[in-house]
C-alpha atoms as a PDB file:
ATOM      1  CA  MET A   1      -3.776 -32.414   9.489  1.00  0.00           C
ATOM      2  CA  LYS A   2      -1.314 -30.345   7.472  1.00  0.00           C
ATOM      3  CA  GLU A   3      -0.116 -27.026   8.917  1.00  0.00           C
ATOM      4  CA  LYS A   4      -1.293 -23.890   7.157  1.00  0.00           C
ATOM      5  CA  LEU A   5       1.106 -21.630   5.309  1.00  0.00           C
ATOM      6  CA  LYS A   6       1.209 -18.426   7.355  1.00  0.00           C
ATOM      7  CA  ILE A   7       1.717 -15.232   5.383  1.00  0.00           C
ATOM      8  CA  ASP A   8       2.408 -11.985   7.223  1.00  0.00           C
ATOM      9  CA  ILE A   9       1.438  -8.935   5.181  1.00  0.00           C
ATOM     10  CA  VAL A  10       3.068  -5.697   6.319  1.00  0.00           C
ATOM     11  CA  SER A  11       0.943  -2.928   4.854  1.00  0.00           C
ATOM     12  CA  ASP A  12      -0.066   0.718   5.077  1.00  0.00           C
ATOM     13  CA  VAL A  13      -3.808   1.074   4.468  1.00  0.00           C
ATOM     14  CA  VAL A  14      -3.314   4.123   2.236  1.00  0.00           C
ATOM     15  CA  CYS A  15      -0.608   2.561   0.035  1.00  0.00           C
ATOM     16  CA  PRO A  16      -1.980   1.688  -3.421  1.00  0.00           C
ATOM     17  CA  TRP A  17       0.942  -0.690  -4.093  1.00  0.00           C
ATOM     18  CA  CYS A  18       0.087  -2.629  -0.935  1.00  0.00           C
ATOM     19  CA  THR A  19      -3.464  -3.078  -2.229  1.00  0.00           C
ATOM     20  CA  ILE A  20      -2.234  -4.202  -5.655  1.00  0.00           C
ATOM     21  CA  GLY A  21       0.164  -6.686  -4.061  1.00  0.00           C
ATOM     22  CA  TYR A  22      -2.536  -8.114  -1.819  1.00  0.00           C
ATOM     23  CA  LYS A  23      -5.016  -8.469  -4.700  1.00  0.00           C
ATOM     24  CA  ARG A  24      -2.400 -10.360  -6.738  1.00  0.00           C
ATOM     25  CA  LEU A  25      -1.675 -12.643  -3.784  1.00  0.00           C
ATOM     26  CA  GLU A  26      -5.391 -13.205  -3.254  1.00  0.00           C
ATOM     27  CA  LYS A  27      -5.847 -14.067  -6.951  1.00  0.00           C
ATOM     28  CA  ALA A  28      -2.936 -16.539  -6.864  1.00  0.00           C
ATOM     29  CA  ILE A  29      -4.332 -18.255  -3.762  1.00  0.00           C
ATOM     30  CA  LEU A  30      -7.756 -18.571  -5.406  1.00  0.00           C
ATOM     31  CA  GLU A  31      -6.319 -19.804  -8.719  1.00  0.00           C
ATOM     32  CA  LEU A  32      -4.295 -22.455  -6.872  1.00  0.00           C
ATOM     33  CA  GLY A  33      -7.368 -23.414  -4.828  1.00  0.00           C
ATOM     34  CA  ILE A  34      -5.439 -23.269  -1.561  1.00  0.00           C
ATOM     35  CA  GLN A  35      -7.656 -20.878   0.411  1.00  0.00           C
ATOM     36  CA  ASP A  36      -8.033 -23.427   3.227  1.00  0.00           C
ATOM     37  CA  GLN A  37      -4.254 -23.979   3.388  1.00  0.00           C
ATOM     38  CA  VAL A  38      -3.247 -20.324   3.858  1.00  0.00           C
ATOM     39  CA  GLU A  39      -3.489 -18.102   6.923  1.00  0.00           C
ATOM     40  CA  ILE A  40      -2.944 -14.380   6.371  1.00  0.00           C
ATOM     41  CA  GLU A  41      -1.993 -12.122   9.242  1.00  0.00           C
ATOM     42  CA  TRP A  42      -1.894  -8.371   8.721  1.00  0.00           C
ATOM     43  CA  GLN A  43       0.880  -6.291  10.281  1.00  0.00           C
ATOM     44  CA  PRO A  44       0.695  -2.481  10.386  1.00  0.00           C
ATOM     45  CA  PHE A  45       3.222  -0.251   8.676  1.00  0.00           C
ATOM     46  CA  GLU A  46       3.117   3.520   8.466  1.00  0.00           C
ATOM     47  CA  LEU A  47       4.773   4.903   5.329  1.00  0.00           C
ATOM     48  CA  ASN A  48       4.767   8.477   6.622  1.00  0.00           C
ATOM     49  CA  GLN A  49       5.091   8.552  10.386  1.00  0.00           C
ATOM     50  CA  ASN A  50       5.214  12.369  10.387  1.00  0.00           C
ATOM     51  CA  MET A  51       1.810  12.833   8.725  1.00  0.00           C
ATOM     52  CA  PRO A  52      -0.393  14.996  10.952  1.00  0.00           C
ATOM     53  CA  ALA A  53      -3.595  13.344  12.205  1.00  0.00           C
ATOM     54  CA  GLU A  54      -5.697  15.776  10.141  1.00  0.00           C
ATOM     55  CA  GLY A  55      -3.822  14.829   6.941  1.00  0.00           C
ATOM     56  CA  GLN A  56      -2.056  17.121   4.497  1.00  0.00           C
ATOM     57  CA  ASN A  57      -2.762  18.853   1.221  1.00  0.00           C
ATOM     58  CA  VAL A  58      -1.602  16.521  -1.566  1.00  0.00           C
ATOM     59  CA  GLN A  59       0.383  19.227  -3.418  1.00  0.00           C
ATOM     60  CA  GLU A  60       2.183  20.190  -0.200  1.00  0.00           C
ATOM     61  CA  HIS A  61       2.918  16.538   0.496  1.00  0.00           C
ATOM     62  CA  ILE A  62       4.376  15.972  -2.990  1.00  0.00           C
ATOM     63  CA  ALA A  63       6.457  19.132  -2.688  1.00  0.00           C
ATOM     64  CA  GLU A  64       7.896  17.945   0.635  1.00  0.00           C
ATOM     65  CA  LYS A  65       8.416  14.332  -0.399  1.00  0.00           C
ATOM     66  CA  TYR A  66       9.763  14.808  -3.929  1.00  0.00           C
ATOM     67  CA  GLY A  67      10.892  18.435  -3.949  1.00  0.00           C
ATOM     68  CA  ALA A  68       8.468  19.322  -6.753  1.00  0.00           C
ATOM     69  CA  THR A  69       7.192  22.879  -6.693  1.00  0.00           C
ATOM     70  CA  LEU A  70       3.509  23.602  -7.278  1.00  0.00           C
ATOM     71  CA  GLU A  71       4.462  25.011 -10.708  1.00  0.00           C
ATOM     72  CA  GLN A  72       6.301  21.789 -11.627  1.00  0.00           C
ATOM     73  CA  GLN A  73       3.318  19.715 -10.487  1.00  0.00           C
ATOM     74  CA  LYS A  74       0.947  21.793 -12.625  1.00  0.00           C
ATOM     75  CA  HIS A  75       3.232  21.440 -15.660  1.00  0.00           C
ATOM     76  CA  HIS A  76       3.501  17.656 -15.185  1.00  0.00           C
ATOM     77  CA  ASN A  77      -0.285  17.252 -14.837  1.00  0.00           C
ATOM     78  CA  ASN A  78      -0.962  19.263 -18.014  1.00  0.00           C
ATOM     79  CA  LYS A  79       1.096  17.012 -20.304  1.00  0.00           C
END
């Protein structure tokens, strides 16, 4: 019996890019018809280790992460 290809996916559950990447991988596996030849193992990754357990207001988070003021965020969203 042939060994399975093991793929480790390191992902943060709230990361949209992680979801997009996984969906593309899943589609490729299905299109190739190799579902029974692949083993996926999920590994945790935390993009923001300093996020409080109760979460954070999205505007505050963007201001801290990117240095964008609330006024700049409003201007960008109104374009």
